[in-house]
Amino acid sequence: MNFGRLKNVVAAAAIEGVAEARARIFGHVLNPTGQRSSHKVLRKKLIGEKVSQWYPHDIMKDDPLVMARQEQERLSKLEMLKRRGKGPPKKGQGKQAKKRNK
């Protein structure tokens, strides 16, 4: 009986040693307990540089004339909506404030 248990212990130690050697040879991270680890995420290549290279540079954001014109259009549209009574409410007079005041 004792011989069988000893055999199992030796076999388990041999399997553990082989797993450690395999991890060392192939550069893997050994995780015998199976706990969650961030290794999988951290070994990925960073893609931010490739993503930023893919999209062209937006010239419109650099040109102050274009930005000023867009801002002027936004303000004129907002003024037109206010004249019709469709503009944004003043602070503290929106939907939530009306619900609270009931």
N, C-alpha and C. Protein backbone atom coordinates (compact mmCIF):
# COMPACT_ATOMS: atom_id res chain seq x y z
N MET A 1 0.82 -1.19 0.00
CA MET A 1 0.00 0.00 0.00
C MET A 1 0.86 1.25 0.00
N ASN A 2 1.85 1.29 0.86
CA ASN A 2 2.72 2.45 0.95
C ASN A 2 3.50 2.65 -0.34
N PHE A 3 3.82 1.54 -1.00
CA PHE A 3 4.60 1.61 -2.23
C PHE A 3 3.84 2.35 -3.34
N GLY A 4 2.54 2.15 -3.43
CA GLY A 4 1.72 2.82 -4.45
C GLY A 4 1.65 4.33 -4.23
N ARG A 5 1.55 4.74 -2.98
CA ARG A 5 1.50 6.17 -2.66
C ARG A 5 2.84 6.83 -2.97
N LEU A 6 3.92 6.15 -2.66
CA LEU A 6 5.25 6.67 -2.95
C LEU A 6 5.45 6.81 -4.45
N LYS A 7 4.94 5.85 -5.18
CA LYS A 7 5.05 5.89 -6.64
C LYS A 7 4.29 7.10 -7.20
N ASN A 8 3.12 7.39 -6.65
CA ASN A 8 2.34 8.55 -7.10
C ASN A 8 3.06 9.85 -6.79
N VAL A 9 3.68 9.95 -5.62
CA VAL A 9 4.41 11.16 -5.24
C VAL A 9 5.60 11.38 -6.18
N VAL A 10 6.32 10.31 -6.48
CA VAL A 10 7.48 10.41 -7.38
C VAL A 10 7.01 10.81 -8.78
N ALA A 11 5.92 10.23 -9.24
CA ALA A 11 5.41 10.55 -10.58
C ALA A 11 4.96 12.01 -10.64
N ALA A 12 4.31 12.48 -9.58
CA ALA A 12 3.86 13.88 -9.56
C ALA A 12 5.06 14.82 -9.56
N ALA A 13 6.12 14.49 -8.81
CA ALA A 13 7.32 15.33 -8.78
C ALA A 13 8.00 15.34 -10.14
N ALA A 14 8.02 14.19 -10.81
CA ALA A 14 8.65 14.12 -12.14
C ALA A 14 7.86 14.95 -13.14
N ILE A 15 6.55 14.91 -13.09
CA ILE A 15 5.71 15.69 -14.00
C ILE A 15 5.91 17.18 -13.74
N GLU A 16 6.01 17.54 -12.46
CA GLU A 16 6.23 18.95 -12.11
C GLU A 16 7.59 19.44 -12.62
N GLY A 17 8.61 18.59 -12.49
CA GLY A 17 9.95 18.94 -12.98
C GLY A 17 9.97 19.11 -14.49
N VAL A 18 9.26 18.23 -15.18
CA VAL A 18 9.18 18.32 -16.65
C VAL A 18 8.47 19.61 -17.05
N ALA A 19 7.41 19.97 -16.33
CA ALA A 19 6.66 21.20 -16.65
C ALA A 19 7.53 22.42 -16.43
N GLU A 20 8.33 22.42 -15.34
CA GLU A 20 9.23 23.55 -15.10
C GLU A 20 10.29 23.67 -16.18
N ALA A 21 10.86 22.52 -16.58
CA ALA A 21 11.88 22.52 -17.62
C ALA A 21 11.29 23.00 -18.95
N ARG A 22 10.09 22.54 -19.27
CA ARG A 22 9.44 22.96 -20.51
C ARG A 22 9.17 24.47 -20.51
N ALA A 23 8.72 24.99 -19.37
CA ALA A 23 8.47 26.42 -19.27
C ALA A 23 9.75 27.22 -19.44
N ARG A 24 10.84 26.74 -18.84
CA ARG A 24 12.12 27.43 -18.95
C ARG A 24 12.64 27.40 -20.39
N ILE A 25 12.52 26.25 -21.06
CA ILE A 25 13.03 26.11 -22.43
C ILE A 25 12.26 26.97 -23.41
N PHE A 26 10.95 26.92 -23.34
CA PHE A 26 10.12 27.63 -24.33
C PHE A 26 9.74 29.04 -23.90
N GLY A 27 10.17 29.48 -22.73
CA GLY A 27 9.90 30.84 -22.29
C GLY A 27 8.47 31.07 -21.84
N HIS A 28 7.81 30.03 -21.38
CA HIS A 28 6.44 30.17 -20.89
C HIS A 28 6.44 30.55 -19.42
N VAL A 29 5.31 31.05 -18.95
CA VAL A 29 5.16 31.33 -17.54
C VAL A 29 4.45 30.15 -16.90
N LEU A 30 5.07 29.60 -15.88
CA LEU A 30 4.50 28.43 -15.21
C LEU A 30 3.48 28.89 -14.18
N ASN A 31 2.28 28.34 -14.27
CA ASN A 31 1.21 28.71 -13.34
C ASN A 31 0.53 27.43 -12.86
N PRO A 32 1.17 26.70 -11.93
CA PRO A 32 0.60 25.41 -11.52
C PRO A 32 -0.70 25.54 -10.74
N THR A 33 -0.93 26.66 -10.07
CA THR A 33 -2.16 26.80 -9.30
C THR A 33 -3.34 27.22 -10.17
N GLY A 34 -3.08 27.73 -11.35
CA GLY A 34 -4.15 28.12 -12.26
C GLY A 34 -4.80 29.44 -11.89
N GLN A 35 -4.12 30.27 -11.08
CA GLN A 35 -4.70 31.56 -10.71
C GLN A 35 -4.67 32.51 -11.90
N ARG A 36 -5.59 33.49 -11.89
CA ARG A 36 -5.64 34.47 -12.98
C ARG A 36 -4.39 35.34 -12.94
N SER A 37 -3.91 35.65 -14.12
CA SER A 37 -2.68 36.43 -14.21
C SER A 37 -2.81 37.39 -15.39
N SER A 38 -2.13 38.51 -15.30
CA SER A 38 -2.20 39.48 -16.39
C SER A 38 -1.13 39.24 -17.44
N HIS A 39 -0.44 38.11 -17.36
CA HIS A 39 0.65 37.83 -18.30
C HIS A 39 0.18 37.80 -19.74
N LYS A 40 -0.98 37.25 -19.99
CA LYS A 40 -1.49 37.13 -21.35
C LYS A 40 -1.70 38.51 -21.97
N VAL A 41 -2.21 39.44 -21.18
CA VAL A 41 -2.45 40.79 -21.67
C VAL A 41 -1.14 41.54 -21.86
N LEU A 42 -0.23 41.37 -20.93
CA LEU A 42 1.02 42.11 -20.96
C LEU A 42 1.97 41.66 -22.06
N ARG A 43 1.85 40.42 -22.53
CA ARG A 43 2.77 39.97 -23.56
C ARG A 43 2.35 40.40 -24.96
N LYS A 44 1.13 40.93 -25.10
CA LYS A 44 0.69 41.40 -26.41
C LYS A 44 1.43 42.66 -26.81
N LYS A 45 1.62 42.85 -28.10
CA LYS A 45 2.26 44.06 -28.59
C LYS A 45 1.31 45.23 -28.42
N LEU A 46 1.87 46.39 -28.15
CA LEU A 46 1.06 47.59 -28.04
C LEU A 46 0.67 48.05 -29.43
N ILE A 47 -0.61 48.43 -29.62
CA ILE A 47 -1.10 48.75 -30.96
C ILE A 47 -1.38 50.23 -31.14
N GLY A 48 -1.16 51.05 -30.13
CA GLY A 48 -1.51 52.46 -30.22
C GLY A 48 -0.81 53.19 -31.34
N GLU A 49 0.47 52.89 -31.53
CA GLU A 49 1.25 53.56 -32.58
C GLU A 49 0.72 53.20 -33.96
N LYS A 50 0.40 51.94 -34.18
CA LYS A 50 -0.13 51.50 -35.49
C LYS A 50 -1.49 52.15 -35.76
N VAL A 51 -2.33 52.24 -34.75
CA VAL A 51 -3.65 52.84 -34.92
C VAL A 51 -3.51 54.31 -35.28
N SER A 52 -2.60 55.01 -34.59
CA SER A 52 -2.44 56.43 -34.88
C SER A 52 -1.83 56.66 -36.26
N GLN A 53 -1.03 55.74 -36.75
CA GLN A 53 -0.46 55.87 -38.10
C GLN A 53 -1.53 55.61 -39.18
N TRP A 54 -2.50 54.79 -38.88
CA TRP A 54 -3.51 54.43 -39.87
C TRP A 54 -4.38 55.62 -40.24
N TYR A 55 -4.81 56.40 -39.25
CA TYR A 55 -5.71 57.51 -39.51
C TYR A 55 -4.91 58.74 -39.91
N PRO A 56 -5.34 59.43 -40.96
CA PRO A 56 -4.60 60.62 -41.40
C PRO A 56 -4.76 61.76 -40.40
N HIS A 57 -3.81 62.68 -40.43
CA HIS A 57 -3.85 63.84 -39.55
C HIS A 57 -4.97 64.77 -40.01
N ASP A 58 -5.78 65.23 -39.06
CA ASP A 58 -6.91 66.10 -39.39
C ASP A 58 -6.43 67.54 -39.50
N ILE A 59 -6.40 68.07 -40.71
CA ILE A 59 -5.90 69.42 -40.97
C ILE A 59 -6.88 70.45 -40.42
N MET A 60 -8.16 70.13 -40.42
CA MET A 60 -9.17 71.10 -40.01
C MET A 60 -9.00 71.53 -38.56
N LYS A 61 -8.48 70.63 -37.71
CA LYS A 61 -8.32 70.99 -36.31
C LYS A 61 -7.18 71.99 -36.11
N ASP A 62 -6.21 72.03 -37.05
CA ASP A 62 -5.09 72.95 -36.93
C ASP A 62 -5.42 74.34 -37.44
N ASP A 63 -6.36 74.44 -38.37
CA ASP A 63 -6.65 75.72 -39.01
C ASP A 63 -7.59 76.53 -38.12
N PRO A 64 -7.14 77.67 -37.58
CA PRO A 64 -8.01 78.46 -36.70
C PRO A 64 -9.19 79.08 -37.42
N LEU A 65 -9.04 79.33 -38.73
CA LEU A 65 -10.16 79.91 -39.48
C LEU A 65 -11.32 78.92 -39.59
N VAL A 66 -10.99 77.66 -39.83
CA VAL A 66 -12.03 76.63 -39.95
C VAL A 66 -12.71 76.44 -38.60
N MET A 67 -11.91 76.39 -37.53
CA MET A 67 -12.48 76.19 -36.20
C MET A 67 -13.36 77.38 -35.80
N ALA A 68 -12.93 78.60 -36.15
CA ALA A 68 -13.71 79.79 -35.82
C ALA A 68 -15.04 79.78 -36.58
N ARG A 69 -14.99 79.35 -37.85
CA ARG A 69 -16.22 79.30 -38.65
C ARG A 69 -17.19 78.27 -38.08
N GLN A 70 -16.66 77.10 -37.68
CA GLN A 70 -17.53 76.08 -37.11
C GLN A 70 -18.14 76.57 -35.79
N GLU A 71 -17.36 77.26 -34.98
CA GLU A 71 -17.87 77.79 -33.72
C GLU A 71 -18.94 78.85 -33.98
N GLN A 72 -18.72 79.68 -35.00
CA GLN A 72 -19.71 80.71 -35.35
C GLN A 72 -21.01 80.07 -35.82
N GLU A 73 -20.91 79.00 -36.62
CA GLU A 73 -22.10 78.28 -37.08
C GLU A 73 -22.85 77.68 -35.89
N ARG A 74 -22.12 77.12 -34.95
CA ARG A 74 -22.74 76.52 -33.77
C ARG A 74 -23.48 77.57 -32.95
N LEU A 75 -22.83 78.72 -32.76
CA LEU A 75 -23.46 79.77 -31.97
C LEU A 75 -24.69 80.35 -32.66
N SER A 76 -24.63 80.50 -34.00
CA SER A 76 -25.79 81.03 -34.72
C SER A 76 -26.95 80.04 -34.67
N LYS A 77 -26.66 78.74 -34.77
CA LYS A 77 -27.71 77.73 -34.69
C LYS A 77 -28.33 77.73 -33.29
N LEU A 78 -27.49 77.87 -32.26
CA LEU A 78 -27.98 77.91 -30.89
C LEU A 78 -28.86 79.14 -30.67
N GLU A 79 -28.46 80.27 -31.24
CA GLU A 79 -29.26 81.49 -31.10
C GLU A 79 -30.62 81.33 -31.78
N MET A 80 -30.63 80.71 -32.96
CA MET A 80 -31.88 80.48 -33.68
C MET A 80 -32.82 79.58 -32.88
N LEU A 81 -32.25 78.51 -32.25
CA LEU A 81 -33.06 77.61 -31.44
C LEU A 81 -33.62 78.34 -30.22
N LYS A 82 -32.81 79.21 -29.60
CA LYS A 82 -33.28 79.96 -28.43
C LYS A 82 -34.43 80.88 -28.79
N ARG A 83 -34.36 81.50 -29.98
CA ARG A 83 -35.44 82.40 -30.40
C ARG A 83 -36.75 81.63 -30.57
N ARG A 84 -36.66 80.38 -30.99
CA ARG A 84 -37.86 79.56 -31.16
C ARG A 84 -38.27 78.89 -29.86
N GLY A 85 -37.48 79.05 -28.80
CA GLY A 85 -37.80 78.43 -27.52
C GLY A 85 -37.37 76.98 -27.42
N LYS A 86 -36.45 76.56 -28.28
CA LYS A 86 -36.02 75.16 -28.30
C LYS A 86 -34.59 74.99 -27.78
N GLY A 87 -34.00 76.04 -27.25
CA GLY A 87 -32.62 75.97 -26.76
C GLY A 87 -32.52 75.20 -25.46
N PRO A 88 -31.29 75.00 -24.99
CA PRO A 88 -31.12 74.27 -23.73
C PRO A 88 -31.64 75.09 -22.56
N PRO A 89 -32.20 74.44 -21.54
CA PRO A 89 -32.73 75.18 -20.39
C PRO A 89 -31.61 75.78 -19.56
N LYS A 90 -31.96 76.77 -18.76
CA LYS A 90 -30.98 77.35 -17.85
C LYS A 90 -30.65 76.32 -16.79
N LYS A 91 -29.51 76.51 -16.15
CA LYS A 91 -29.06 75.56 -15.14
C LYS A 91 -30.09 75.48 -14.01
N GLY A 92 -30.49 74.27 -13.66
CA GLY A 92 -31.45 74.07 -12.58
C GLY A 92 -32.90 74.13 -13.03
N GLN A 93 -33.15 74.17 -14.35
CA GLN A 93 -34.53 74.21 -14.84
C GLN A 93 -34.81 73.09 -15.85
N GLY A 94 -33.97 72.05 -15.82
CA GLY A 94 -34.14 70.94 -16.76
C GLY A 94 -35.18 69.94 -16.29
N LYS A 95 -35.16 68.75 -16.93
CA LYS A 95 -36.14 67.69 -16.61
C LYS A 95 -36.05 67.23 -15.16
N GLN A 96 -34.82 67.03 -14.69
CA GLN A 96 -34.64 66.52 -13.33
C GLN A 96 -35.16 67.52 -12.30
N ALA A 97 -34.90 68.81 -12.54
CA ALA A 97 -35.35 69.83 -11.58
C ALA A 97 -36.87 69.89 -11.56
N LYS A 98 -37.50 69.73 -12.71
CA LYS A 98 -38.97 69.76 -12.75
C LYS A 98 -39.56 68.57 -12.01
N LYS A 99 -38.90 67.41 -12.10
CA LYS A 99 -39.38 66.23 -11.38
C LYS A 99 -39.25 66.43 -9.87
N ARG A 100 -38.17 67.05 -9.45
CA ARG A 100 -37.92 67.26 -8.03
C ARG A 100 -38.89 68.28 -7.43
N ASN A 101 -39.29 69.27 -8.23
CA ASN A 101 -40.14 70.34 -7.73
C ASN A 101 -41.61 69.95 -7.63
N LYS A 102 -41.99 68.83 -8.21
CA LYS A 102 -43.40 68.41 -8.19
C LYS A 102 -43.82 67.94 -6.86
